[in-house]
Amino acid sequence: MALLSVKNLGVEFELRTGTVAALRDVSFDLESGERIGIVGESGAGKSVCAFAILNLISKPGFISSGRIWFKGNDLASLDGESMRRIRGNEISMIFQDPMMTLNPVLTIGTQMVETIRTHHPVSLDDARNIAVEKLKAVRIPSPETRLEQYPHELSGGMRQRVVIAIALLSDPGIIIADEPTTALDVTIQAEILELLLTLCNDYHVGLILITHDLAVVSEVTQRILVMYAGRIIEQGTTREIIARPSHPYTEGLIGALPEKTTPGQPLNQIPGVMPSLQDIPSGCAFHNRCEFAAQRCRSDLPRPTDLESRSVACHFPIRD
């Protein structure tokens, strides 16, 4: 049985202009120790999916359908107290901006010790020892000194390492990383990605990596979920999807990578923009931007279909 199983998940928001669907019929599994990437443009529903797993969708949003199974519990139906025992303990999240995650007026040590003692009945000294060990695990030098410092005294890369250390404090089964390298320069990005990969292998932690960058997931993940307008439109192994995309949107994302462009020439782009959640077209939401679209694409919603070793929601998938 999968460690995490998301089945037919739907998330909606009640707005003054009506109800809009941010997630529609999202399904996927995560095995223990597996690393998956969720990719797509801004507004595709990637972060909403992460917040739904942690039951952090706040009003006017709500989980409208589906189930989120984790260790025999449906996270979508748990009460606040039950969910607090899981959130940050068995499932942790790493956010993209560490300055928004860390409290600027508390020392690193205070924040880490507080997190440990919220979930575990340990002494202050034991909590500090755990904090030091986790800082060592994310390769922070002089961890005892770092405990006494405030977030603003650390570099961006060091702050992100602290956030990762906090995510590891309770030895979670799953870490959700939402654009964890966006605010960092390229060299620090590579270090953080390599660190995440090492930690997942060493601690046998399941990873859900959310990003718009296919180059990032190709380095870290084993499987990819491609999202568009609130739906998963393609999923399969990272190697196969990067090498042979089946959905035209996935092919467009890969074609937009800088290395796919001749030096000195403009970057490739997918024409048009993703539709607003309040104005999603009928049929396939991508048909207005797709060069292969036919009348069927404009009227009939494509359902996920198994194609060799992957699933793709397209009436006319790309084949070799």
C-alpha atoms as a PDB file:
ATOM      1  CA  MET A   1       0.000   0.000   0.000  1.00  0.00           C
ATOM      2  CA  ALA A   2       1.291   3.478  -0.913  1.00  0.00           C
ATOM      3  CA  LEU A   3       2.493   5.745   1.898  1.00  0.00           C
ATOM      4  CA  LEU A   4       0.318   8.563   0.509  1.00  0.00           C
ATOM      5  CA  SER A   5      -2.605   8.042  -1.855  1.00  0.00           C
ATOM      6  CA  VAL A   6      -4.484  11.006  -3.317  1.00  0.00           C
ATOM      7  CA  LYS A   7      -7.728   9.980  -5.029  1.00  0.00           C
ATOM      8  CA  ASN A   8      -9.963  12.235  -7.147  1.00  0.00           C
ATOM      9  CA  LEU A   9      -9.031  15.322  -5.124  1.00  0.00           C
ATOM     10  CA  GLY A  10     -10.943  18.514  -5.813  1.00  0.00           C
ATOM     11  CA  VAL A  11     -10.442  21.976  -4.273  1.00  0.00           C
ATOM     12  CA  GLU A  12     -12.804  24.890  -4.844  1.00  0.00           C
ATOM     13  CA  PHE A  13     -12.942  28.545  -3.831  1.00  0.00           C
ATOM     14  CA  GLU A  14     -16.177  30.407  -3.130  1.00  0.00           C
ATOM     15  CA  LEU A  15     -15.792  33.860  -4.675  1.00  0.00           C
ATOM     16  CA  ARG A  16     -18.273  36.685  -5.089  1.00  0.00           C
ATOM     17  CA  THR A  17     -18.418  35.920  -8.777  1.00  0.00           C
ATOM     18  CA  GLY A  18     -19.099  32.219  -8.161  1.00  0.00           C
ATOM     19  CA  THR A  19     -17.324  28.989  -7.338  1.00  0.00           C
ATOM     20  CA  VAL A  20     -14.037  28.228  -9.099  1.00  0.00           C
ATOM     21  CA  ALA A  21     -12.232  24.881  -9.164  1.00  0.00           C
ATOM     22  CA  ALA A  22      -8.511  25.100  -8.363  1.00  0.00           C
ATOM     23  CA  LEU A  23      -8.005  21.316  -8.401  1.00  0.00           C
ATOM     24  CA  ARG A  24     -10.073  18.832 -10.376  1.00  0.00           C
ATOM     25  CA  ASP A  25      -9.937  15.064 -10.085  1.00  0.00           C
ATOM     26  CA  VAL A  26      -6.278  14.881  -8.991  1.00  0.00           C
ATOM     27  CA  SER A  27      -4.999  11.356  -8.251  1.00  0.00           C
ATOM     28  CA  PHE A  28      -1.513  10.012  -7.531  1.00  0.00           C
ATOM     29  CA  ASP A  29       0.403   7.772  -5.122  1.00  0.00           C
ATOM     30  CA  LEU A  30       3.668   8.265  -3.246  1.00  0.00           C
ATOM     31  CA  GLU A  31       5.600   5.243  -2.014  1.00  0.00           C
ATOM     32  CA  SER A  32       7.841   5.304   1.043  1.00  0.00           C
ATOM     33  CA  GLY A  33      11.186   6.841   0.081  1.00  0.00           C
ATOM     34  CA  GLU A  34       9.977   7.811  -3.395  1.00  0.00           C
ATOM     35  CA  ARG A  35      10.710  11.221  -4.922  1.00  0.00           C
ATOM     36  CA  ILE A  36       8.106  12.782  -7.199  1.00  0.00           C
ATOM     37  CA  GLY A  37       7.973  16.186  -8.866  1.00  0.00           C
ATOM     38  CA  ILE A  38       4.874  18.268  -9.587  1.00  0.00           C
ATOM     39  CA  VAL A  39       5.527  20.689 -12.451  1.00  0.00           C
ATOM     40  CA  GLY A  40       3.580  23.284 -14.396  1.00  0.00           C
ATOM     41  CA  GLU A  41       3.196  27.003 -14.915  1.00  0.00           C
ATOM     42  CA  SER A  42       2.118  29.417 -12.193  1.00  0.00           C
ATOM     43  CA  GLY A  43      -1.581  28.893 -11.514  1.00  0.00           C
ATOM     44  CA  ALA A  44      -1.579  25.222 -12.506  1.00  0.00           C
ATOM     45  CA  GLY A  45      -2.570  24.131  -8.989  1.00  0.00           C
ATOM     46  CA  LYS A  46       0.755  22.778  -7.714  1.00  0.00           C
ATOM     47  CA  SER A  47       0.857  24.637  -4.396  1.00  0.00           C
ATOM     48  CA  VAL A  48      -2.883  24.204  -3.833  1.00  0.00           C
ATOM     49  CA  CYS A  49      -2.301  20.459  -4.070  1.00  0.00           C
ATOM     50  CA  ALA A  50       0.407  20.670  -1.397  1.00  0.00           C
ATOM     51  CA  PHE A  51      -1.771  22.750   0.928  1.00  0.00           C
ATOM     52  CA  ALA A  52      -4.661  20.327   0.440  1.00  0.00           C
ATOM     53  CA  ILE A  53      -2.484  17.370   1.481  1.00  0.00           C
ATOM     54  CA  LEU A  54      -1.652  19.212   4.708  1.00  0.00           C
ATOM     55  CA  ASN A  55      -5.294  20.313   5.101  1.00  0.00           C
ATOM     56  CA  LEU A  56      -4.199  23.962   5.018  1.00  0.00           C
ATOM     57  CA  ILE A  57      -6.816  25.198   2.568  1.00  0.00           C
ATOM     58  CA  SER A  58      -8.413  28.174   4.278  1.00  0.00           C
ATOM     59  CA  LYS A  59     -11.681  29.941   3.528  1.00  0.00           C
ATOM     60  CA  PRO A  60     -13.010  30.765   1.021  1.00  0.00           C
ATOM     61  CA  GLY A  61     -11.310  27.595  -0.226  1.00  0.00           C
ATOM     62  CA  PHE A  62     -12.300  24.046   0.710  1.00  0.00           C
ATOM     63  CA  ILE A  63     -11.677  20.438  -0.302  1.00  0.00           C
ATOM     64  CA  SER A  64     -14.744  19.671  -2.394  1.00  0.00           C
ATOM     65  CA  SER A  65     -14.137  16.019  -3.273  1.00  0.00           C
ATOM     66  CA  GLY A  66     -11.755  13.092  -3.036  1.00  0.00           C
ATOM     67  CA  ARG A  67      -9.644  11.417  -0.392  1.00  0.00           C
ATOM     68  CA  ILE A  68      -6.065  11.804   0.873  1.00  0.00           C
ATOM     69  CA  TRP A  69      -4.993   8.538   2.509  1.00  0.00           C
ATOM     70  CA  PHE A  70      -1.953   8.523   4.793  1.00  0.00           C
ATOM     71  CA  LYS A  71      -1.285   5.601   7.144  1.00  0.00           C
ATOM     72  CA  GLY A  72      -4.944   4.613   7.140  1.00  0.00           C
ATOM     73  CA  ASN A  73      -6.261   8.138   7.770  1.00  0.00           C
ATOM     74  CA  ASP A  74      -8.130  10.382   5.341  1.00  0.00           C
ATOM     75  CA  LEU A  75      -6.339  13.686   5.889  1.00  0.00           C
ATOM     76  CA  ALA A  76      -9.144  15.581   4.161  1.00  0.00           C
ATOM     77  CA  SER A  77     -11.598  14.635   6.920  1.00  0.00           C
ATOM     78  CA  LEU A  78      -9.438  14.909  10.063  1.00  0.00           C
ATOM     79  CA  ASP A  79     -10.259  17.516  12.710  1.00  0.00           C
ATOM     80  CA  GLY A  80      -7.807  20.282  13.542  1.00  0.00           C
ATOM     81  CA  GLU A  81      -6.181  18.591  16.542  1.00  0.00           C
ATOM     82  CA  SER A  82      -5.651  15.285  14.730  1.00  0.00           C
ATOM     83  CA  MET A  83      -4.190  17.086  11.737  1.00  0.00           C
ATOM     84  CA  ARG A  84      -1.798  19.099  13.929  1.00  0.00           C
ATOM     85  CA  ARG A  85      -0.297  15.830  15.193  1.00  0.00           C
ATOM     86  CA  ILE A  86       0.544  14.894  11.586  1.00  0.00           C
ATOM     87  CA  ARG A  87       1.420  18.302  10.117  1.00  0.00           C
ATOM     88  CA  GLY A  88       5.053  19.163  10.804  1.00  0.00           C
ATOM     89  CA  ASN A  89       5.542  15.807  12.493  1.00  0.00           C
ATOM     90  CA  GLU A  90       4.858  13.013  10.010  1.00  0.00           C
ATOM     91  CA  ILE A  91       4.480  15.292   6.984  1.00  0.00           C
ATOM     92  CA  SER A  92       6.685  18.389   6.812  1.00  0.00           C
ATOM     93  CA  MET A  93       6.778  21.247   4.326  1.00  0.00           C
ATOM     94  CA  ILE A  94       9.615  23.400   3.015  1.00  0.00           C
ATOM     95  CA  PHE A  95       8.480  26.750   1.629  1.00  0.00           C
ATOM     96  CA  GLN A  96      10.183  28.717  -1.132  1.00  0.00           C
ATOM     97  CA  ASP A  97      11.072  31.813   0.889  1.00  0.00           C
ATOM     98  CA  PRO A  98      12.862  31.028   4.175  1.00  0.00           C
ATOM     99  CA  MET A  99      12.469  34.619   5.398  1.00  0.00           C
ATOM    100  CA  MET A 100       8.700  34.106   5.315  1.00  0.00           C
ATOM    101  CA  THR A 101       9.021  30.751   7.091  1.00  0.00           C
ATOM    102  CA  LEU A 102      11.374  31.730   9.910  1.00  0.00           C
ATOM    103  CA  ASN A 103      10.296  34.150  12.641  1.00  0.00           C
ATOM    104  CA  PRO A 104      12.650  37.154  12.401  1.00  0.00           C
ATOM    105  CA  VAL A 105      12.452  38.018  16.109  1.00  0.00           C
ATOM    106  CA  LEU A 106      13.293  34.546  17.464  1.00  0.00           C
ATOM    107  CA  THR A 107      16.642  32.806  17.362  1.00  0.00           C
ATOM    108  CA  ILE A 108      17.103  29.703  15.239  1.00  0.00           C
ATOM    109  CA  GLY A 109      17.467  27.641  18.424  1.00  0.00           C
ATOM    110  CA  THR A 110      14.223  28.941  19.926  1.00  0.00           C
ATOM    111  CA  GLN A 111      12.288  28.081  16.790  1.00  0.00           C
ATOM    112  CA  MET A 112      13.782  24.608  16.450  1.00  0.00           C
ATOM    113  CA  VAL A 113      13.369  23.705  20.118  1.00  0.00           C
ATOM    114  CA  GLU A 114       9.778  24.934  20.094  1.00  0.00           C
ATOM    115  CA  THR A 115       9.020  22.782  17.054  1.00  0.00           C
ATOM    116  CA  ILE A 116      10.507  19.663  18.670  1.00  0.00           C
ATOM    117  CA  ARG A 117       8.747  20.115  22.000  1.00  0.00           C
ATOM    118  CA  THR A 118       5.416  20.763  20.284  1.00  0.00           C
ATOM    119  CA  HIS A 119       5.449  17.216  18.937  1.00  0.00           C
ATOM    120  CA  HIS A 120       7.598  15.304  21.442  1.00  0.00           C
ATOM    121  CA  PRO A 121       7.781  15.287  25.267  1.00  0.00           C
ATOM    122  CA  VAL A 122      11.532  15.869  25.579  1.00  0.00           C
ATOM    123  CA  SER A 123      13.602  18.064  27.842  1.00  0.00           C
ATOM    124  CA  LEU A 124      15.043  21.403  26.765  1.00  0.00           C
ATOM    125  CA  ASP A 125      18.566  19.969  26.639  1.00  0.00           C
ATOM    126  CA  ASP A 126      17.469  16.975  24.581  1.00  0.00           C
ATOM    127  CA  ALA A 127      15.599  19.247  22.189  1.00  0.00           C
ATOM    128  CA  ARG A 128      18.695  21.393  21.679  1.00  0.00           C
ATOM    129  CA  ASN A 129      20.794  18.295  21.046  1.00  0.00           C
ATOM    130  CA  ILE A 130      18.317  17.135  18.394  1.00  0.00           C
ATOM    131  CA  ALA A 131      18.409  20.597  16.813  1.00  0.00           C
ATOM    132  CA  VAL A 132      22.223  20.525  16.663  1.00  0.00           C
ATOM    133  CA  GLU A 133      22.198  17.072  15.046  1.00  0.00           C
ATOM    134  CA  LYS A 134      19.734  18.174  12.352  1.00  0.00           C
ATOM    135  CA  LEU A 135      21.783  21.290  11.599  1.00  0.00           C
ATOM    136  CA  LYS A 136      24.793  19.027  11.170  1.00  0.00           C
ATOM    137  CA  ALA A 137      22.748  16.791   8.867  1.00  0.00           C
ATOM    138  CA  VAL A 138      22.097  19.728   6.512  1.00  0.00           C
ATOM    139  CA  ARG A 139      25.805  20.628   6.588  1.00  0.00           C
ATOM    140  CA  ILE A 140      25.594  23.845   8.577  1.00  0.00           C
ATOM    141  CA  PRO A 141      28.997  24.639  10.143  1.00  0.00           C
ATOM    142  CA  SER A 142      29.229  25.532  13.854  1.00  0.00           C
ATOM    143  CA  PRO A 143      25.618  24.451  14.586  1.00  0.00           C
ATOM    144  CA  GLU A 144      25.822  25.379  18.274  1.00  0.00           C
ATOM    145  CA  THR A 145      26.627  28.958  17.253  1.00  0.00           C
ATOM    146  CA  ARG A 146      23.834  29.058  14.671  1.00  0.00           C
ATOM    147  CA  LEU A 147      21.273  28.199  17.345  1.00  0.00           C
ATOM    148  CA  GLU A 148      21.959  31.554  19.001  1.00  0.00           C
ATOM    149  CA  GLN A 149      21.652  33.570  15.792  1.00  0.00           C
ATOM    150  CA  TYR A 150      18.631  35.261  14.218  1.00  0.00           C
ATOM    151  CA  PRO A 151      17.499  34.550  10.639  1.00  0.00           C
ATOM    152  CA  HIS A 152      18.778  37.886   9.311  1.00  0.00           C
ATOM    153  CA  GLU A 153      22.298  36.953  10.393  1.00  0.00           C
ATOM    154  CA  LEU A 154      22.389  34.038   7.944  1.00  0.00           C
ATOM    155  CA  SER A 155      22.701  33.984   4.156  1.00  0.00           C
ATOM    156  CA  GLY A 156      19.774  32.922   1.973  1.00  0.00           C
ATOM    157  CA  GLY A 157      21.244  29.489   1.355  1.00  0.00           C
ATOM    158  CA  MET A 158      21.977  29.001   5.054  1.00  0.00           C
ATOM    159  CA  ARG A 159      18.430  30.027   5.983  1.00  0.00           C
ATOM    160  CA  GLN A 160      17.030  27.477   3.541  1.00  0.00           C
ATOM    161  CA  ARG A 161      19.229  24.801   5.124  1.00  0.00           C
ATOM    162  CA  VAL A 162      17.770  25.761   8.512  1.00  0.00           C
ATOM    163  CA  VAL A 163      14.253  25.378   7.107  1.00  0.00           C
ATOM    164  CA  ILE A 164      15.168  21.928   5.783  1.00  0.00           C
ATOM    165  CA  ALA A 165      16.628  21.022   9.194  1.00  0.00           C
ATOM    166  CA  ILE A 166      13.367  22.080  10.856  1.00  0.00           C
ATOM    167  CA  ALA A 167      11.445  19.889   8.408  1.00  0.00           C
ATOM    168  CA  LEU A 168      13.600  16.924   9.505  1.00  0.00           C
ATOM    169  CA  LEU A 169      13.239  17.488  13.263  1.00  0.00           C
ATOM    170  CA  SER A 170      10.539  14.862  13.794  1.00  0.00           C
ATOM    171  CA  ASP A 171      11.891  12.382  11.226  1.00  0.00           C
ATOM    172  CA  PRO A 172       8.841  12.725   8.931  1.00  0.00           C
ATOM    173  CA  GLY A 173       7.793  10.128   6.389  1.00  0.00           C
ATOM    174  CA  ILE A 174       7.084  12.789   3.765  1.00  0.00           C
ATOM    175  CA  ILE A 175       8.596  16.184   2.949  1.00  0.00           C
ATOM    176  CA  ILE A 176       6.752  18.554   0.621  1.00  0.00           C
ATOM    177  CA  ALA A 177       9.131  21.114  -0.903  1.00  0.00           C
ATOM    178  CA  ASP A 178       7.341  24.040  -2.576  1.00  0.00           C
ATOM    179  CA  GLU A 179       9.773  25.796  -4.949  1.00  0.00           C
ATOM    180  CA  PRO A 180      12.604  25.419  -2.386  1.00  0.00           C
ATOM    181  CA  THR A 181      15.288  26.990  -4.596  1.00  0.00           C
ATOM    182  CA  THR A 182      13.415  29.901  -6.200  1.00  0.00           C
ATOM    183  CA  ALA A 183      14.929  32.658  -4.040  1.00  0.00           C
ATOM    184  CA  LEU A 184      18.501  31.334  -4.341  1.00  0.00           C
ATOM    185  CA  ASP A 185      21.261  31.858  -6.893  1.00  0.00           C
ATOM    186  CA  VAL A 186      22.203  29.059  -9.261  1.00  0.00           C
ATOM    187  CA  THR A 187      25.168  27.648  -7.332  1.00  0.00           C
ATOM    188  CA  ILE A 188      23.226  27.568  -4.050  1.00  0.00           C
ATOM    189  CA  GLN A 189      20.257  25.979  -5.859  1.00  0.00           C
ATOM    190  CA  ALA A 190      22.469  23.078  -6.916  1.00  0.00           C
ATOM    191  CA  GLU A 191      23.728  22.620  -3.348  1.00  0.00           C
ATOM    192  CA  ILE A 192      20.185  22.587  -1.915  1.00  0.00           C
ATOM    193  CA  LEU A 193      18.969  20.082  -4.515  1.00  0.00           C
ATOM    194  CA  GLU A 194      21.926  17.804  -3.871  1.00  0.00           C
ATOM    195  CA  LEU A 195      21.268  18.086  -0.140  1.00  0.00           C
ATOM    196  CA  LEU A 196      17.589  17.148  -0.543  1.00  0.00           C
ATOM    197  CA  LEU A 197      18.521  14.126  -2.630  1.00  0.00           C
ATOM    198  CA  THR A 198      21.085  12.960  -0.055  1.00  0.00           C
ATOM    199  CA  LEU A 199      18.685  13.428   2.865  1.00  0.00           C
ATOM    200  CA  CYS A 200      15.905  11.509   1.116  1.00  0.00           C
ATOM    201  CA  ASN A 201      18.275   8.600   0.523  1.00  0.00           C
ATOM    202  CA  ASP A 202      19.781   8.677   4.016  1.00  0.00           C
ATOM    203  CA  TYR A 203      16.482   9.028   5.898  1.00  0.00           C
ATOM    204  CA  HIS A 204      14.281   7.119   3.388  1.00  0.00           C
ATOM    205  CA  VAL A 205      11.899  10.086   3.232  1.00  0.00           C
ATOM    206  CA  GLY A 206       9.248  10.464   0.546  1.00  0.00           C
ATOM    207  CA  LEU A 207       9.612  13.773  -1.313  1.00  0.00           C
ATOM    208  CA  ILE A 208       7.054  15.837  -3.217  1.00  0.00           C
ATOM    209  CA  LEU A 209       8.995  18.549  -5.056  1.00  0.00           C
ATOM    210  CA  ILE A 210       6.876  21.364  -6.488  1.00  0.00           C
ATOM    211  CA  THR A 211       8.447  23.511  -9.183  1.00  0.00           C
ATOM    212  CA  HIS A 212       7.933  25.117 -12.577  1.00  0.00           C
ATOM    213  CA  ASP A 213      11.428  24.037 -13.633  1.00  0.00           C
ATOM    214  CA  LEU A 214      11.681  20.681 -15.381  1.00  0.00           C
ATOM    215  CA  ALA A 215      15.475  20.866 -15.182  1.00  0.00           C
ATOM    216  CA  VAL A 216      15.178  20.797 -11.376  1.00  0.00           C
ATOM    217  CA  VAL A 217      12.912  17.738 -11.193  1.00  0.00           C
ATOM    218  CA  SER A 218      15.029  15.874 -13.734  1.00  0.00           C
ATOM    219  CA  GLU A 219      17.940  15.995 -11.271  1.00  0.00           C
ATOM    220  CA  VAL A 220      16.099  14.955  -8.114  1.00  0.00           C
ATOM    221  CA  THR A 221      12.894  13.018  -8.780  1.00  0.00           C
ATOM    222  CA  GLN A 222      11.964   9.530  -9.930  1.00  0.00           C
ATOM    223  CA  ARG A 223       8.483  10.375 -11.220  1.00  0.00           C
ATOM    224  CA  ILE A 224       6.864  13.517 -12.629  1.00  0.00           C
ATOM    225  CA  LEU A 225       3.278  14.799 -12.439  1.00  0.00           C
ATOM    226  CA  VAL A 226       2.558  17.522 -15.003  1.00  0.00           C
ATOM    227  CA  MET A 227      -0.306  19.853 -14.034  1.00  0.00           C
ATOM    228  CA  TYR A 228      -2.319  22.264 -16.149  1.00  0.00           C
ATOM    229  CA  ALA A 229      -5.350  24.328 -15.075  1.00  0.00           C
ATOM    230  CA  GLY A 230      -5.929  22.244 -11.951  1.00  0.00           C
ATOM    231  CA  ARG A 231      -5.578  18.794 -13.514  1.00  0.00           C
ATOM    232  CA  ILE A 232      -2.799  16.246 -13.858  1.00  0.00           C
ATOM    233  CA  ILE A 233      -2.389  15.851 -17.604  1.00  0.00           C
ATOM    234  CA  GLU A 234       0.591  13.492 -17.656  1.00  0.00           C
ATOM    235  CA  GLN A 235       2.483  11.392 -15.139  1.00  0.00           C
ATOM    236  CA  GLY A 236       5.193   8.777 -15.403  1.00  0.00           C
ATOM    237  CA  THR A 237       8.847   8.145 -14.699  1.00  0.00           C
ATOM    238  CA  THR A 238      11.106  11.179 -14.890  1.00  0.00           C
ATOM    239  CA  ARG A 239      13.447   9.574 -17.394  1.00  0.00           C
ATOM    240  CA  GLU A 240      10.693   8.619 -19.847  1.00  0.00           C
ATOM    241  CA  ILE A 241       8.763  11.885 -19.670  1.00  0.00           C
ATOM    242  CA  ILE A 242      11.873  14.019 -20.151  1.00  0.00           C
ATOM    243  CA  ALA A 243      13.035  11.839 -23.042  1.00  0.00           C
ATOM    244  CA  ARG A 244       9.649  11.190 -24.699  1.00  0.00           C
ATOM    245  CA  PRO A 245       6.815  13.495 -23.558  1.00  0.00           C
ATOM    246  CA  SER A 246       3.342  12.356 -24.630  1.00  0.00           C
ATOM    247  CA  HIS A 247       1.270  15.481 -23.923  1.00  0.00           C
ATOM    248  CA  PRO A 248       1.825  18.549 -26.151  1.00  0.00           C
ATOM    249  CA  TYR A 249       1.996  20.748 -23.043  1.00  0.00           C
ATOM    250  CA  THR A 250       4.782  18.627 -21.533  1.00  0.00           C
ATOM    251  CA  GLU A 251       6.613  18.755 -24.850  1.00  0.00           C
ATOM    252  CA  GLY A 252       6.275  22.548 -24.803  1.00  0.00           C
ATOM    253  CA  LEU A 253       7.693  22.803 -21.272  1.00  0.00           C
ATOM    254  CA  ILE A 254      10.690  20.692 -22.225  1.00  0.00           C
ATOM    255  CA  GLY A 255      11.171  22.651 -25.445  1.00  0.00           C
ATOM    256  CA  ALA A 256      11.267  25.893 -23.433  1.00  0.00           C
ATOM    257  CA  LEU A 257      14.341  24.798 -21.481  1.00  0.00           C
ATOM    258  CA  PRO A 258      17.358  27.025 -22.298  1.00  0.00           C
ATOM    259  CA  GLU A 259      19.464  24.061 -23.433  1.00  0.00           C
ATOM    260  CA  LYS A 260      16.870  23.307 -26.116  1.00  0.00           C
ATOM    261  CA  THR A 261      17.524  26.650 -27.814  1.00  0.00           C
ATOM    262  CA  THR A 262      20.347  27.539 -30.205  1.00  0.00           C
ATOM    263  CA  PRO A 263      22.756  29.963 -28.479  1.00  0.00           C
ATOM    264  CA  GLY A 264      21.988  33.550 -29.470  1.00  0.00           C
ATOM    265  CA  GLN A 265      18.388  32.736 -30.443  1.00  0.00           C
ATOM    266  CA  PRO A 266      15.212  33.604 -28.470  1.00  0.00           C
ATOM    267  CA  LEU A 267      13.988  30.964 -26.042  1.00  0.00           C
ATOM    268  CA  ASN A 268      11.186  28.704 -27.224  1.00  0.00           C
ATOM    269  CA  GLN A 269       7.784  29.542 -25.767  1.00  0.00           C
ATOM    270  CA  ILE A 270       4.370  27.939 -25.523  1.00  0.00           C
ATOM    271  CA  PRO A 271       2.028  30.406 -27.245  1.00  0.00           C
ATOM    272  CA  GLY A 272      -0.709  32.045 -25.190  1.00  0.00           C
ATOM    273  CA  VAL A 273      -1.278  31.853 -21.441  1.00  0.00           C
ATOM    274  CA  MET A 274      -2.934  29.456 -19.044  1.00  0.00           C
ATOM    275  CA  PRO A 275      -6.674  30.209 -18.740  1.00  0.00           C
ATOM    276  CA  SER A 276      -8.040  31.821 -15.612  1.00  0.00           C
ATOM    277  CA  LEU A 277      -9.670  29.394 -13.179  1.00  0.00           C
ATOM    278  CA  GLN A 278     -12.827  31.464 -13.597  1.00  0.00           C
ATOM    279  CA  ASP A 279     -12.806  30.967 -17.352  1.00  0.00           C
ATOM    280  CA  ILE A 280     -11.543  27.456 -18.097  1.00  0.00           C
ATOM    281  CA  PRO A 281     -12.646  26.474 -21.622  1.00  0.00           C
ATOM    282  CA  SER A 282     -14.713  23.384 -22.343  1.00  0.00           C
ATOM    283  CA  GLY A 283     -12.988  20.191 -23.413  1.00  0.00           C
ATOM    284  CA  CYS A 284      -9.223  20.156 -22.958  1.00  0.00           C
ATOM    285  CA  ALA A 285      -8.122  23.315 -21.135  1.00  0.00           C
ATOM    286  CA  PHE A 286      -4.956  23.394 -23.261  1.00  0.00           C
ATOM    287  CA  HIS A 287      -6.688  23.333 -26.657  1.00  0.00           C
ATOM    288  CA  ASN A 288      -6.386  27.108 -27.230  1.00  0.00           C
ATOM    289  CA  ARG A 289      -2.581  26.789 -27.110  1.00  0.00           C
ATOM    290  CA  CYS A 290      -2.148  23.395 -28.757  1.00  0.00           C
ATOM    291  CA  GLU A 291      -1.050  23.041 -32.386  1.00  0.00           C
ATOM    292  CA  PHE A 292      -2.633  19.581 -32.588  1.00  0.00           C
ATOM    293  CA  ALA A 293      -6.094  20.573 -31.284  1.00  0.00           C
ATOM    294  CA  ALA A 294      -9.143  19.276 -33.151  1.00  0.00           C
ATOM    295  CA  GLN A 295     -12.866  19.752 -32.620  1.00  0.00           C
ATOM    296  CA  ARG A 296     -12.949  16.863 -30.162  1.00  0.00           C
ATOM    297  CA  CYS A 297     -10.399  18.681 -27.996  1.00  0.00           C
ATOM    298  CA  ARG A 298     -12.688  21.718 -27.801  1.00  0.00           C
ATOM    299  CA  SER A 299     -15.749  19.779 -26.695  1.00  0.00           C
ATOM    300  CA  ASP A 300     -14.688  16.595 -24.866  1.00  0.00           C
ATOM    301  CA  LEU A 301     -12.643  16.514 -21.666  1.00  0.00           C
ATOM    302  CA  PRO A 302      -9.771  14.015 -22.101  1.00  0.00           C
ATOM    303  CA  ARG A 303      -9.551  11.423 -19.353  1.00  0.00           C
ATOM    304  CA  PRO A 304      -6.248   9.946 -18.118  1.00  0.00           C
ATOM    305  CA  THR A 305      -5.330   6.927 -20.215  1.00  0.00           C
ATOM    306  CA  ASP A 306      -2.503   4.474 -19.650  1.00  0.00           C
ATOM    307  CA  LEU A 307       0.017   4.738 -22.463  1.00  0.00           C
ATOM    308  CA  GLU A 308       2.803   2.221 -22.050  1.00  0.00           C
ATOM    309  CA  SER A 309       4.328   3.053 -18.619  1.00  0.00           C
ATOM    310  CA  ARG A 310       2.665   6.413 -18.114  1.00  0.00           C
ATOM    311  CA  SER A 311      -0.733   8.091 -17.870  1.00  0.00           C
ATOM    312  CA  VAL A 312      -1.699  10.943 -20.202  1.00  0.00           C
ATOM    313  CA  ALA A 313      -4.911  12.973 -20.524  1.00  0.00           C
ATOM    314  CA  CYS A 314      -4.909  13.839 -24.227  1.00  0.00           C
ATOM    315  CA  HIS A 315      -7.087  12.832 -27.182  1.00  0.00           C
ATOM    316  CA  PHE A 316      -4.080  12.841 -29.502  1.00  0.00           C
ATOM    317  CA  PRO A 317      -0.978  11.976 -27.445  1.00  0.00           C
ATOM    318  CA  ILE A 318       2.435  12.247 -29.060  1.00  0.00           C
ATOM    319  CA  ARG A 319       3.824   8.871 -30.039  1.00  0.00           C
ATOM    320  CA  ASP A 320       7.225   7.835 -31.294  1.00  0.00           C
END
